[in-house]
Amino acid sequence: MAAVFRASRCLVGRSCRHVDYALVSTRSMASKTQVGFIGLGNMGNPMAKNLLKHGYPVIATDVFPESCKEVQELGAQIVDNPAEVADKADRIITMLPSSPNVIDVYTGPNGILKKVKKGSLLIDSSTIDPAVSKEMAAAAEKMGAVFMDAPVSGGVGAASSGKLTFMVGGAEEEFTAAKELLSCMGANVVYCGQVGTGQAAKICNNMLLAIGMIGTSETMNLGIRLGLDPKLLAKILNMSSGRCWSSDTYNPVPGVMEGVPSGNNYQGGFGTQLMAKDLGLAQNTATNTKTPVPLGSLAHQMYRMMCARGYANKDFSSVFQFLREEEGQ
């Protein structure tokens, strides 16, 4: 897991200096200059490795030194804090667990904005509140830098294979520069609109993902109780109208698929605690926009309950195991 930084929030003023976008946009797209990377957890680690594989010198940091070892062995330069990264690189990617972590990494005492260079491109791939992305963009603009939100979908497997999907929000004239880097780590890089729209797309995706995983788990559990072989049931679902990503790519039932967390005691993957966090973001935005999301609300309740029952660090597909235990099996 990426570093959990202290949540010290700063108020961003509304008056911002003009950003010299040309300073960033005219940077050579073919240039393999240094790229900063902050947050070397389950997702950040393989993402940074893919930048290295594509020939980019990486300057990285994480609050947990042990998280830096693998990329350091592959040639990355490790520094002590985000400010040092900003002092050495004018293109920086952050991948952090939550909104407070992002706020501190950007605006804290040793944050990026303490030493950011004018014209720097700052790309945040964390999944956070869209309002926080907008605050960080305003703070970066005051320093003459450009901030873009670019959360990801695909999980650890896609991060390792370089097949993530990036949902990008920010100045459209900077999208080409961002895509140059993001394409090293993902198969799909989609421009969504202004700052915060990338987060909006990610929150919507993860709400549907949680609902789909719960539905798949309930369906598989019912079929097993009715005497169906789980592999046979999964095969039928995946050639029928009930097919979905949770059934054909990330099946939650142990033994049905290889190479997924359900086959490894739900270790690795995307943690239940993180899913609960993302569902909380969806609930907040739904409330703010007065949008009815009854199934999203129920999914949020279920994943919060799982966190309280010891599933916080297990993959979110462990909802299948949770349902089995709830019925006393």
C-alpha atoms as a PDB file:
ATOM      1  CA  MET A   1       0.000   0.000   0.000  1.00  0.00           C
ATOM      2  CA  ALA A   2       1.220   3.428  -0.829  1.00  0.00           C
ATOM      3  CA  ALA A   3       2.299   5.678   1.978  1.00  0.00           C
ATOM      4  CA  VAL A   4      -0.238   7.034   4.420  1.00  0.00           C
ATOM      5  CA  PHE A   5       0.903  10.612   4.818  1.00  0.00           C
ATOM      6  CA  ARG A   6      -0.250  13.000   7.540  1.00  0.00           C
ATOM      7  CA  ALA A   7      -3.447  14.782   6.548  1.00  0.00           C
ATOM      8  CA  SER A   8      -2.639  18.466   6.955  1.00  0.00           C
ATOM      9  CA  ARG A   9      -5.048  20.403   4.775  1.00  0.00           C
ATOM     10  CA  CYS A  10      -4.259  23.849   3.430  1.00  0.00           C
ATOM     11  CA  LEU A  11      -6.762  26.369   2.118  1.00  0.00           C
ATOM     12  CA  VAL A  12      -6.213  27.244  -1.511  1.00  0.00           C
ATOM     13  CA  GLY A  13      -6.923  30.821  -2.481  1.00  0.00           C
ATOM     14  CA  ARG A  14      -9.167  31.616  -5.395  1.00  0.00           C
ATOM     15  CA  SER A  15      -6.707  34.050  -6.942  1.00  0.00           C
ATOM     16  CA  CYS A  16      -4.262  32.112  -9.102  1.00  0.00           C
ATOM     17  CA  ARG A  17      -1.435  33.250 -11.334  1.00  0.00           C
ATOM     18  CA  HIS A  18      -1.568  32.384 -15.007  1.00  0.00           C
ATOM     19  CA  VAL A  19       0.141  29.106 -15.867  1.00  0.00           C
ATOM     20  CA  ASP A  20       2.505  29.216 -18.815  1.00  0.00           C
ATOM     21  CA  TYR A  21       1.044  26.149 -20.519  1.00  0.00           C
ATOM     22  CA  ALA A  22       3.427  26.587 -23.432  1.00  0.00           C
ATOM     23  CA  LEU A  23       6.320  25.884 -21.074  1.00  0.00           C
ATOM     24  CA  VAL A  24       4.913  22.405 -20.490  1.00  0.00           C
ATOM     25  CA  SER A  25       3.373  21.796 -23.905  1.00  0.00           C
ATOM     26  CA  THR A  26       6.517  22.559 -25.898  1.00  0.00           C
ATOM     27  CA  ARG A  27       8.538  19.998 -23.941  1.00  0.00           C
ATOM     28  CA  SER A  28       9.790  17.383 -26.391  1.00  0.00           C
ATOM     29  CA  MET A  29       7.393  14.473 -26.406  1.00  0.00           C
ATOM     30  CA  ALA A  30      10.256  12.110 -27.174  1.00  0.00           C
ATOM     31  CA  SER A  31      12.364  13.336 -24.288  1.00  0.00           C
ATOM     32  CA  LYS A  32      13.329  10.680 -21.774  1.00  0.00           C
ATOM     33  CA  THR A  33      13.965  13.192 -19.006  1.00  0.00           C
ATOM     34  CA  GLN A  34      13.528  12.265 -15.365  1.00  0.00           C
ATOM     35  CA  VAL A  35      10.067  11.414 -14.095  1.00  0.00           C
ATOM     36  CA  GLY A  36       9.136  11.651 -10.435  1.00  0.00           C
ATOM     37  CA  PHE A  37       6.973   8.957  -8.851  1.00  0.00           C
ATOM     38  CA  ILE A  38       5.446   9.206  -5.377  1.00  0.00           C
ATOM     39  CA  GLY A  39       3.653   6.262  -3.778  1.00  0.00           C
ATOM     40  CA  LEU A  40       5.130   2.816  -4.439  1.00  0.00           C
ATOM     41  CA  GLY A  41       2.356   0.595  -3.144  1.00  0.00           C
ATOM     42  CA  ASN A  42       0.495  -2.275  -4.821  1.00  0.00           C
ATOM     43  CA  MET A  43      -0.305  -0.107  -7.847  1.00  0.00           C
ATOM     44  CA  GLY A  44       2.487   2.466  -7.814  1.00  0.00           C
ATOM     45  CA  ASN A  45       5.283  -0.094  -7.715  1.00  0.00           C
ATOM     46  CA  PRO A  46       4.462  -1.834 -11.027  1.00  0.00           C
ATOM     47  CA  MET A  47       3.562   1.502 -12.641  1.00  0.00           C
ATOM     48  CA  ALA A  48       6.988   2.926 -11.800  1.00  0.00           C
ATOM     49  CA  LYS A  49       8.606  -0.266 -13.073  1.00  0.00           C
ATOM     50  CA  ASN A  50       6.908   0.179 -16.438  1.00  0.00           C
ATOM     51  CA  LEU A  51       8.255   3.714 -16.725  1.00  0.00           C
ATOM     52  CA  LEU A  52      11.727   2.321 -16.118  1.00  0.00           C
ATOM     53  CA  LYS A  53      11.137  -0.389 -18.751  1.00  0.00           C
ATOM     54  CA  HIS A  54      10.304   2.337 -21.259  1.00  0.00           C
ATOM     55  CA  GLY A  55      13.610   4.058 -20.607  1.00  0.00           C
ATOM     56  CA  TYR A  56      12.522   6.869 -18.304  1.00  0.00           C
ATOM     57  CA  PRO A  57      14.868   7.672 -15.410  1.00  0.00           C
ATOM     58  CA  VAL A  58      12.665   7.570 -12.290  1.00  0.00           C
ATOM     59  CA  ILE A  59      13.086   9.542  -9.069  1.00  0.00           C
ATOM     60  CA  ALA A  60      10.832   8.048  -6.414  1.00  0.00           C
ATOM     61  CA  THR A  61       9.825   8.193  -2.792  1.00  0.00           C
ATOM     62  CA  ASP A  62       7.479   6.455  -0.365  1.00  0.00           C
ATOM     63  CA  VAL A  63       7.019   6.861   3.373  1.00  0.00           C
ATOM     64  CA  PHE A  64       7.858   3.162   3.749  1.00  0.00           C
ATOM     65  CA  PRO A  65      11.519   2.646   2.677  1.00  0.00           C
ATOM     66  CA  GLU A  66      10.963  -1.050   2.019  1.00  0.00           C
ATOM     67  CA  SER A  67       8.495  -0.131  -0.730  1.00  0.00           C
ATOM     68  CA  CYS A  68      11.336   1.520  -2.663  1.00  0.00           C
ATOM     69  CA  LYS A  69      13.688  -1.445  -2.823  1.00  0.00           C
ATOM     70  CA  GLU A  70      12.421  -3.112  -5.988  1.00  0.00           C
ATOM     71  CA  VAL A  71      12.411  -0.001  -8.157  1.00  0.00           C
ATOM     72  CA  GLN A  72      15.763   1.066  -6.712  1.00  0.00           C
ATOM     73  CA  GLU A  73      17.253  -2.263  -7.784  1.00  0.00           C
ATOM     74  CA  LEU A  74      15.925  -1.567 -11.287  1.00  0.00           C
ATOM     75  CA  GLY A  75      17.699   1.776 -11.405  1.00  0.00           C
ATOM     76  CA  ALA A  76      15.361   4.305  -9.821  1.00  0.00           C
ATOM     77  CA  GLN A  77      16.842   7.063  -7.685  1.00  0.00           C
ATOM     78  CA  ILE A  78      15.258   7.171  -4.222  1.00  0.00           C
ATOM     79  CA  VAL A  79      14.882  10.420  -2.276  1.00  0.00           C
ATOM     80  CA  ASP A  80      13.472  11.232   1.147  1.00  0.00           C
ATOM     81  CA  ASN A  81      10.290  13.183   0.430  1.00  0.00           C
ATOM     82  CA  PRO A  82       8.010  14.634  -2.279  1.00  0.00           C
ATOM     83  CA  ALA A  83       9.692  18.047  -2.188  1.00  0.00           C
ATOM     84  CA  GLU A  84      12.990  16.446  -3.207  1.00  0.00           C
ATOM     85  CA  VAL A  85      11.237  14.706  -6.088  1.00  0.00           C
ATOM     86  CA  ALA A  86       9.859  18.060  -7.273  1.00  0.00           C
ATOM     87  CA  ASP A  87      13.305  19.609  -7.009  1.00  0.00           C
ATOM     88  CA  LYS A  88      14.731  17.044  -9.434  1.00  0.00           C
ATOM     89  CA  ALA A  89      11.875  16.316 -11.863  1.00  0.00           C
ATOM     90  CA  ASP A  90       9.407  18.479 -13.795  1.00  0.00           C
ATOM     91  CA  ARG A  91       7.050  15.589 -14.567  1.00  0.00           C
ATOM     92  CA  ILE A  92       5.656  13.861 -11.492  1.00  0.00           C
ATOM     93  CA  ILE A  93       3.128  11.062 -11.017  1.00  0.00           C
ATOM     94  CA  THR A  94       1.485  10.377  -7.656  1.00  0.00           C
ATOM     95  CA  MET A  95      -0.388   7.217  -6.650  1.00  0.00           C
ATOM     96  CA  LEU A  96      -1.739   7.494  -3.104  1.00  0.00           C
ATOM     97  CA  PRO A  97      -4.501   5.895  -1.009  1.00  0.00           C
ATOM     98  CA  SER A  98      -6.828   8.789  -0.213  1.00  0.00           C
ATOM     99  CA  SER A  99      -7.651  12.497  -0.348  1.00  0.00           C
ATOM    100  CA  PRO A 100      -5.758  13.412   2.872  1.00  0.00           C
ATOM    101  CA  ASN A 101      -2.634  11.684   1.543  1.00  0.00           C
ATOM    102  CA  VAL A 102      -2.807  13.649  -1.705  1.00  0.00           C
ATOM    103  CA  ILE A 103      -3.328  16.940   0.136  1.00  0.00           C
ATOM    104  CA  ASP A 104      -0.254  16.359   2.294  1.00  0.00           C
ATOM    105  CA  VAL A 105       1.976  15.104  -0.536  1.00  0.00           C
ATOM    106  CA  TYR A 106       1.205  18.194  -2.590  1.00  0.00           C
ATOM    107  CA  THR A 107       0.789  20.933   0.020  1.00  0.00           C
ATOM    108  CA  GLY A 108       2.384  19.588   3.223  1.00  0.00           C
ATOM    109  CA  PRO A 109       5.660  20.747   4.837  1.00  0.00           C
ATOM    110  CA  ASN A 110       7.690  18.462   2.546  1.00  0.00           C
ATOM    111  CA  GLY A 111       5.195  18.530  -0.273  1.00  0.00           C
ATOM    112  CA  ILE A 112       5.639  18.798  -4.016  1.00  0.00           C
ATOM    113  CA  LEU A 113       4.552  22.431  -4.154  1.00  0.00           C
ATOM    114  CA  LYS A 114       7.345  23.494  -1.792  1.00  0.00           C
ATOM    115  CA  LYS A 115       9.914  23.013  -4.561  1.00  0.00           C
ATOM    116  CA  VAL A 116       7.901  22.543  -7.735  1.00  0.00           C
ATOM    117  CA  LYS A 117       9.400  24.073 -10.872  1.00  0.00           C
ATOM    118  CA  LYS A 118       7.414  26.471 -13.010  1.00  0.00           C
ATOM    119  CA  GLY A 119       5.872  24.590 -15.912  1.00  0.00           C
ATOM    120  CA  SER A 120       5.960  21.205 -14.164  1.00  0.00           C
ATOM    121  CA  LEU A 121       3.339  18.617 -15.120  1.00  0.00           C
ATOM    122  CA  LEU A 122       1.796  16.955 -12.055  1.00  0.00           C
ATOM    123  CA  ILE A 123      -0.341  13.849 -12.674  1.00  0.00           C
ATOM    124  CA  ASP A 124      -2.282  12.321  -9.793  1.00  0.00           C
ATOM    125  CA  SER A 125      -3.457   8.743 -10.350  1.00  0.00           C
ATOM    126  CA  SER A 126      -4.951   8.335  -6.884  1.00  0.00           C
ATOM    127  CA  THR A 127      -8.701   7.850  -6.514  1.00  0.00           C
ATOM    128  CA  ILE A 128      -9.925  10.819  -4.472  1.00  0.00           C
ATOM    129  CA  ASP A 129     -12.747  13.328  -4.107  1.00  0.00           C
ATOM    130  CA  PRO A 130     -13.045  15.369  -7.332  1.00  0.00           C
ATOM    131  CA  ALA A 131     -13.227  18.517  -5.189  1.00  0.00           C
ATOM    132  CA  VAL A 132      -9.757  17.768  -3.796  1.00  0.00           C
ATOM    133  CA  SER A 133      -8.383  17.372  -7.317  1.00  0.00           C
ATOM    134  CA  LYS A 134      -9.730  20.832  -8.124  1.00  0.00           C
ATOM    135  CA  GLU A 135      -8.109  22.269  -4.963  1.00  0.00           C
ATOM    136  CA  MET A 136      -4.753  20.735  -5.864  1.00  0.00           C
ATOM    137  CA  ALA A 137      -5.042  22.092  -9.404  1.00  0.00           C
ATOM    138  CA  ALA A 138      -5.650  25.586  -8.053  1.00  0.00           C
ATOM    139  CA  ALA A 139      -2.700  25.293  -5.666  1.00  0.00           C
ATOM    140  CA  ALA A 140      -0.440  24.043  -8.463  1.00  0.00           C
ATOM    141  CA  GLU A 141      -1.574  26.860 -10.757  1.00  0.00           C
ATOM    142  CA  LYS A 142      -0.508  29.417  -8.158  1.00  0.00           C
ATOM    143  CA  MET A 143       2.994  27.966  -8.419  1.00  0.00           C
ATOM    144  CA  GLY A 144       2.985  28.003 -12.223  1.00  0.00           C
ATOM    145  CA  ALA A 145       2.540  24.228 -12.520  1.00  0.00           C
ATOM    146  CA  VAL A 146      -0.144  22.106 -14.205  1.00  0.00           C
ATOM    147  CA  PHE A 147      -2.120  19.475 -12.270  1.00  0.00           C
ATOM    148  CA  MET A 148      -4.137  16.701 -13.914  1.00  0.00           C
ATOM    149  CA  ASP A 149      -6.162  13.934 -12.309  1.00  0.00           C
ATOM    150  CA  ALA A 150      -5.677  10.533 -13.956  1.00  0.00           C
ATOM    151  CA  PRO A 151      -7.111   7.724 -11.812  1.00  0.00           C
ATOM    152  CA  VAL A 152      -6.811   4.169 -13.099  1.00  0.00           C
ATOM    153  CA  SER A 153      -8.856   1.033 -13.610  1.00  0.00           C
ATOM    154  CA  GLY A 154      -7.604  -2.498 -14.086  1.00  0.00           C
ATOM    155  CA  GLY A 155      -6.077  -3.528 -10.772  1.00  0.00           C
ATOM    156  CA  VAL A 156      -2.640  -4.857  -9.924  1.00  0.00           C
ATOM    157  CA  GLY A 157      -2.584  -7.295 -12.839  1.00  0.00           C
ATOM    158  CA  ALA A 158      -3.128  -4.533 -15.382  1.00  0.00           C
ATOM    159  CA  ALA A 159      -0.626  -2.322 -13.579  1.00  0.00           C
ATOM    160  CA  SER A 160       2.006  -5.048 -13.901  1.00  0.00           C
ATOM    161  CA  SER A 161       1.289  -5.755 -17.560  1.00  0.00           C
ATOM    162  CA  GLY A 162       1.006  -2.093 -18.518  1.00  0.00           C
ATOM    163  CA  LYS A 163      -2.649  -2.428 -19.510  1.00  0.00           C
ATOM    164  CA  LEU A 164      -4.314   0.046 -17.163  1.00  0.00           C
ATOM    165  CA  THR A 165      -7.061   2.407 -18.247  1.00  0.00           C
ATOM    166  CA  PHE A 166      -6.394   6.050 -17.323  1.00  0.00           C
ATOM    167  CA  MET A 167      -9.265   8.522 -17.003  1.00  0.00           C
ATOM    168  CA  VAL A 168      -7.729  11.977 -17.382  1.00  0.00           C
ATOM    169  CA  GLY A 169      -9.060  15.343 -16.286  1.00  0.00           C
ATOM    170  CA  GLY A 170      -7.300  18.659 -16.836  1.00  0.00           C
ATOM    171  CA  ALA A 171      -6.297  21.204 -19.445  1.00  0.00           C
ATOM    172  CA  GLU A 172      -6.876  19.643 -22.863  1.00  0.00           C
ATOM    173  CA  GLU A 173      -3.709  21.233 -24.258  1.00  0.00           C
ATOM    174  CA  GLU A 174      -1.700  19.187 -21.738  1.00  0.00           C
ATOM    175  CA  PHE A 175      -3.313  15.838 -22.553  1.00  0.00           C
ATOM    176  CA  THR A 176      -0.712  14.895 -25.182  1.00  0.00           C
ATOM    177  CA  ALA A 177       2.139  15.437 -22.728  1.00  0.00           C
ATOM    178  CA  ALA A 178       0.338  13.402 -20.059  1.00  0.00           C
ATOM    179  CA  LYS A 179      -0.526  10.632 -22.507  1.00  0.00           C
ATOM    180  CA  GLU A 180       3.147  10.180 -23.416  1.00  0.00           C
ATOM    181  CA  LEU A 181       3.856   9.011 -19.871  1.00  0.00           C
ATOM    182  CA  LEU A 182       0.566   7.284 -19.132  1.00  0.00           C
ATOM    183  CA  SER A 183       0.792   5.184 -22.302  1.00  0.00           C
ATOM    184  CA  CYS A 184       3.886   3.525 -20.822  1.00  0.00           C
ATOM    185  CA  MET A 185       1.679   2.181 -18.046  1.00  0.00           C
ATOM    186  CA  GLY A 186      -1.696   1.736 -19.699  1.00  0.00           C
ATOM    187  CA  ALA A 187      -3.439   0.428 -22.800  1.00  0.00           C
ATOM    188  CA  ASN A 188      -6.165   3.070 -22.688  1.00  0.00           C
ATOM    189  CA  VAL A 189      -5.710   6.768 -21.906  1.00  0.00           C
ATOM    190  CA  VAL A 190      -9.002   8.646 -22.139  1.00  0.00           C
ATOM    191  CA  TYR A 191      -9.485  12.410 -21.878  1.00  0.00           C
ATOM    192  CA  CYS A 192     -12.606  13.110 -19.801  1.00  0.00           C
ATOM    193  CA  GLY A 193     -12.663  16.914 -19.532  1.00  0.00           C
ATOM    194  CA  GLN A 194     -11.510  19.484 -17.024  1.00  0.00           C
ATOM    195  CA  VAL A 195      -9.870  18.713 -13.658  1.00  0.00           C
ATOM    196  CA  GLY A 196     -12.029  16.392 -11.568  1.00  0.00           C
ATOM    197  CA  THR A 197     -13.751  14.616 -14.443  1.00  0.00           C
ATOM    198  CA  GLY A 198     -11.218  11.787 -14.373  1.00  0.00           C
ATOM    199  CA  GLN A 199     -12.117  11.197 -10.730  1.00  0.00           C
ATOM    200  CA  ALA A 200     -15.816  11.365 -11.556  1.00  0.00           C
ATOM    201  CA  ALA A 201     -15.410   8.617 -14.182  1.00  0.00           C
ATOM    202  CA  LYS A 202     -13.387   6.449 -11.795  1.00  0.00           C
ATOM    203  CA  ILE A 203     -15.892   6.794  -8.953  1.00  0.00           C
ATOM    204  CA  CYS A 204     -18.743   5.779 -11.258  1.00  0.00           C
ATOM    205  CA  ASN A 205     -16.745   2.787 -12.533  1.00  0.00           C
ATOM    206  CA  ASN A 206     -15.892   1.527  -9.067  1.00  0.00           C
ATOM    207  CA  MET A 207     -19.452   1.850  -7.819  1.00  0.00           C
ATOM    208  CA  LEU A 208     -20.567  -0.390 -10.692  1.00  0.00           C
ATOM    209  CA  LEU A 209     -17.627  -2.741 -10.041  1.00  0.00           C
ATOM    210  CA  ALA A 210     -18.641  -3.197  -6.387  1.00  0.00           C
ATOM    211  CA  ILE A 211     -22.288  -3.785  -7.280  1.00  0.00           C
ATOM    212  CA  GLY A 212     -21.257  -6.279  -9.968  1.00  0.00           C
ATOM    213  CA  MET A 213     -18.925  -8.166  -7.630  1.00  0.00           C
ATOM    214  CA  ILE A 214     -21.608  -8.487  -4.974  1.00  0.00           C
ATOM    215  CA  GLY A 215     -24.108  -9.685  -7.581  1.00  0.00           C
ATOM    216  CA  THR A 216     -21.645 -12.231  -8.962  1.00  0.00           C
ATOM    217  CA  SER A 217     -20.842 -13.482  -5.468  1.00  0.00           C
ATOM    218  CA  GLU A 218     -24.501 -13.849  -4.541  1.00  0.00           C
ATOM    219  CA  THR A 219     -25.219 -15.640  -7.819  1.00  0.00           C
ATOM    220  CA  MET A 220     -22.314 -18.055  -7.490  1.00  0.00           C
ATOM    221  CA  ASN A 221     -23.188 -18.798  -3.881  1.00  0.00           C
ATOM    222  CA  LEU A 222     -26.820 -19.498  -4.767  1.00  0.00           C
ATOM    223  CA  GLY A 223     -25.811 -21.786  -7.621  1.00  0.00           C
ATOM    224  CA  ILE A 224     -23.428 -23.744  -5.373  1.00  0.00           C
ATOM    225  CA  ARG A 225     -26.177 -24.170  -2.760  1.00  0.00           C
ATOM    226  CA  LEU A 226     -28.446 -25.479  -5.514  1.00  0.00           C
ATOM    227  CA  GLY A 227     -25.856 -28.149  -6.333  1.00  0.00           C
ATOM    228  CA  LEU A 228     -24.149 -26.604  -9.351  1.00  0.00           C
ATOM    229  CA  ASP A 229     -20.422 -27.036  -9.878  1.00  0.00           C
ATOM    230  CA  PRO A 230     -18.932 -23.536  -9.575  1.00  0.00           C
ATOM    231  CA  LYS A 231     -16.732 -23.895 -12.669  1.00  0.00           C
ATOM    232  CA  LEU A 232     -19.714 -25.076 -14.708  1.00  0.00           C
ATOM    233  CA  LEU A 233     -21.876 -22.222 -13.418  1.00  0.00           C
ATOM    234  CA  ALA A 234     -19.162 -19.675 -14.241  1.00  0.00           C
ATOM    235  CA  LYS A 235     -18.873 -21.151 -17.752  1.00  0.00           C
ATOM    236  CA  ILE A 236     -22.624 -20.834 -18.284  1.00  0.00           C
ATOM    237  CA  LEU A 237     -22.742 -17.279 -16.947  1.00  0.00           C
ATOM    238  CA  ASN A 238     -19.868 -16.270 -19.201  1.00  0.00           C
ATOM    239  CA  MET A 239     -21.652 -17.471 -22.326  1.00  0.00           C
ATOM    240  CA  SER A 240     -24.953 -15.930 -21.233  1.00  0.00           C
ATOM    241  CA  SER A 241     -26.483 -12.526 -20.553  1.00  0.00           C
ATOM    242  CA  GLY A 242     -25.246 -12.474 -16.956  1.00  0.00           C
ATOM    243  CA  ARG A 243     -21.619 -12.257 -18.063  1.00  0.00           C
ATOM    244  CA  CYS A 244     -19.576  -9.455 -16.505  1.00  0.00           C
ATOM    245  CA  TRP A 245     -15.964  -8.634 -15.559  1.00  0.00           C
ATOM    246  CA  SER A 246     -16.425 -10.102 -12.077  1.00  0.00           C
ATOM    247  CA  SER A 247     -17.568 -13.405 -13.539  1.00  0.00           C
ATOM    248  CA  ASP A 248     -15.226 -13.856 -16.514  1.00  0.00           C
ATOM    249  CA  THR A 249     -12.021 -12.067 -15.467  1.00  0.00           C
ATOM    250  CA  TYR A 250     -11.992 -11.813 -11.666  1.00  0.00           C
ATOM    251  CA  ASN A 251     -14.249 -14.593 -10.413  1.00  0.00           C
ATOM    252  CA  PRO A 252     -14.649 -14.441  -6.615  1.00  0.00           C
ATOM    253  CA  VAL A 253     -15.012 -18.212  -6.036  1.00  0.00           C
ATOM    254  CA  PRO A 254     -11.820 -20.050  -5.021  1.00  0.00           C
ATOM    255  CA  GLY A 255     -10.775 -22.649  -7.581  1.00  0.00           C
ATOM    256  CA  VAL A 256     -12.761 -21.269 -10.511  1.00  0.00           C
ATOM    257  CA  MET A 257      -9.927 -19.211 -12.004  1.00  0.00           C
ATOM    258  CA  GLU A 258      -6.155 -19.098 -11.697  1.00  0.00           C
ATOM    259  CA  GLY A 259      -4.143 -15.941 -11.193  1.00  0.00           C
ATOM    260  CA  VAL A 260      -6.828 -14.026  -9.308  1.00  0.00           C
ATOM    261  CA  PRO A 261      -7.013 -13.184  -5.577  1.00  0.00           C
ATOM    262  CA  SER A 262      -9.782 -15.727  -4.902  1.00  0.00           C
ATOM    263  CA  GLY A 263      -7.239 -18.413  -5.764  1.00  0.00           C
ATOM    264  CA  ASN A 264      -4.754 -17.007  -3.257  1.00  0.00           C
ATOM    265  CA  ASN A 265      -6.862 -16.608  -0.117  1.00  0.00           C
ATOM    266  CA  TYR A 266      -7.911 -13.169  -1.426  1.00  0.00           C
ATOM    267  CA  GLN A 267      -4.407 -11.762  -1.028  1.00  0.00           C
ATOM    268  CA  GLY A 268      -3.203  -8.961  -3.298  1.00  0.00           C
ATOM    269  CA  GLY A 269      -5.515  -7.225  -5.738  1.00  0.00           C
ATOM    270  CA  PHE A 270      -7.742  -4.334  -4.705  1.00  0.00           C
ATOM    271  CA  GLY A 271      -8.352  -4.157  -0.973  1.00  0.00           C
ATOM    272  CA  THR A 272     -11.798  -4.157   0.622  1.00  0.00           C
ATOM    273  CA  GLN A 273     -10.832  -1.058   2.603  1.00  0.00           C
ATOM    274  CA  LEU A 274     -10.027   0.818  -0.602  1.00  0.00           C
ATOM    275  CA  MET A 275     -13.291  -0.263  -2.189  1.00  0.00           C
ATOM    276  CA  ALA A 276     -15.168   0.972   0.860  1.00  0.00           C
ATOM    277  CA  LYS A 277     -13.324   4.281   0.524  1.00  0.00           C
ATOM    278  CA  ASP A 278     -14.232   4.626  -3.149  1.00  0.00           C
ATOM    279  CA  LEU A 279     -17.864   3.793  -2.433  1.00  0.00           C
ATOM    280  CA  GLY A 280     -17.803   6.482   0.238  1.00  0.00           C
ATOM    281  CA  LEU A 281     -16.645   8.967  -2.403  1.00  0.00           C
ATOM    282  CA  ALA A 282     -19.499   7.842  -4.639  1.00  0.00           C
ATOM    283  CA  GLN A 283     -21.968   8.339  -1.800  1.00  0.00           C
ATOM    284  CA  ASN A 284     -20.646  11.831  -1.058  1.00  0.00           C
ATOM    285  CA  THR A 285     -20.880  12.919  -4.675  1.00  0.00           C
ATOM    286  CA  ALA A 286     -24.330  11.344  -5.025  1.00  0.00           C
ATOM    287  CA  THR A 287     -25.514  13.289  -1.997  1.00  0.00           C
ATOM    288  CA  ASN A 288     -24.006  16.530  -3.292  1.00  0.00           C
ATOM    289  CA  THR A 289     -25.669  16.089  -6.687  1.00  0.00           C
ATOM    290  CA  LYS A 290     -28.922  14.685  -5.241  1.00  0.00           C
ATOM    291  CA  THR A 291     -28.507  11.525  -7.309  1.00  0.00           C
ATOM    292  CA  PRO A 292     -30.335   8.365  -6.149  1.00  0.00           C
ATOM    293  CA  VAL A 293     -27.929   5.411  -5.878  1.00  0.00           C
ATOM    294  CA  PRO A 294     -29.731   2.773  -3.789  1.00  0.00           C
ATOM    295  CA  LEU A 295     -27.565  -0.168  -4.896  1.00  0.00           C
ATOM    296  CA  GLY A 296     -24.408   1.912  -4.491  1.00  0.00           C
ATOM    297  CA  SER A 297     -25.497   2.735  -0.960  1.00  0.00           C
ATOM    298  CA  LEU A 298     -26.120  -0.928  -0.115  1.00  0.00           C
ATOM    299  CA  ALA A 299     -22.731  -1.885  -1.590  1.00  0.00           C
ATOM    300  CA  HIS A 300     -21.072   0.780   0.566  1.00  0.00           C
ATOM    301  CA  GLN A 301     -22.760  -0.598   3.677  1.00  0.00           C
ATOM    302  CA  MET A 302     -21.684  -4.136   2.855  1.00  0.00           C
ATOM    303  CA  TYR A 303     -18.033  -3.251   2.267  1.00  0.00           C
ATOM    304  CA  ARG A 304     -17.921  -1.150   5.441  1.00  0.00           C
ATOM    305  CA  MET A 305     -19.333  -4.144   7.330  1.00  0.00           C
ATOM    306  CA  MET A 306     -16.659  -6.358   5.793  1.00  0.00           C
ATOM    307  CA  CYS A 307     -13.954  -3.976   7.016  1.00  0.00           C
ATOM    308  CA  ALA A 308     -15.352  -4.262  10.532  1.00  0.00           C
ATOM    309  CA  ARG A 309     -15.366  -8.078  10.275  1.00  0.00           C
ATOM    310  CA  GLY A 310     -11.682  -8.483   9.433  1.00  0.00           C
ATOM    311  CA  TYR A 311     -11.760  -8.263   5.628  1.00  0.00           C
ATOM    312  CA  ALA A 312     -10.193  -4.807   5.298  1.00  0.00           C
ATOM    313  CA  ASN A 313      -6.900  -6.048   3.851  1.00  0.00           C
ATOM    314  CA  LYS A 314      -8.365  -8.822   1.717  1.00  0.00           C
ATOM    315  CA  ASP A 315      -9.220  -8.292  -1.932  1.00  0.00           C
ATOM    316  CA  PHE A 316     -12.701  -6.880  -2.510  1.00  0.00           C
ATOM    317  CA  SER A 317     -13.781 -10.155  -4.165  1.00  0.00           C
ATOM    318  CA  SER A 318     -13.697 -11.677  -0.678  1.00  0.00           C
ATOM    319  CA  VAL A 319     -17.315 -10.544  -0.457  1.00  0.00           C
ATOM    320  CA  PHE A 320     -18.049 -14.109  -1.628  1.00  0.00           C
ATOM    321  CA  GLN A 321     -16.314 -15.522   1.451  1.00  0.00           C
ATOM    322  CA  PHE A 322     -18.092 -12.946   3.614  1.00  0.00           C
ATOM    323  CA  LEU A 323     -21.488 -14.089   2.312  1.00  0.00           C
ATOM    324  CA  ARG A 324     -20.600 -17.744   2.922  1.00  0.00           C
ATOM    325  CA  GLU A 325     -19.584 -17.000   6.488  1.00  0.00           C
ATOM    326  CA  GLU A 326     -22.724 -14.963   7.080  1.00  0.00           C
ATOM    327  CA  GLU A 327     -24.816 -18.024   6.296  1.00  0.00           C
ATOM    328  CA  GLY A 328     -22.747 -20.158   8.699  1.00  0.00           C
ATOM    329  CA  GLN A 329     -20.801 -22.207   6.139  1.00  0.00           C
END
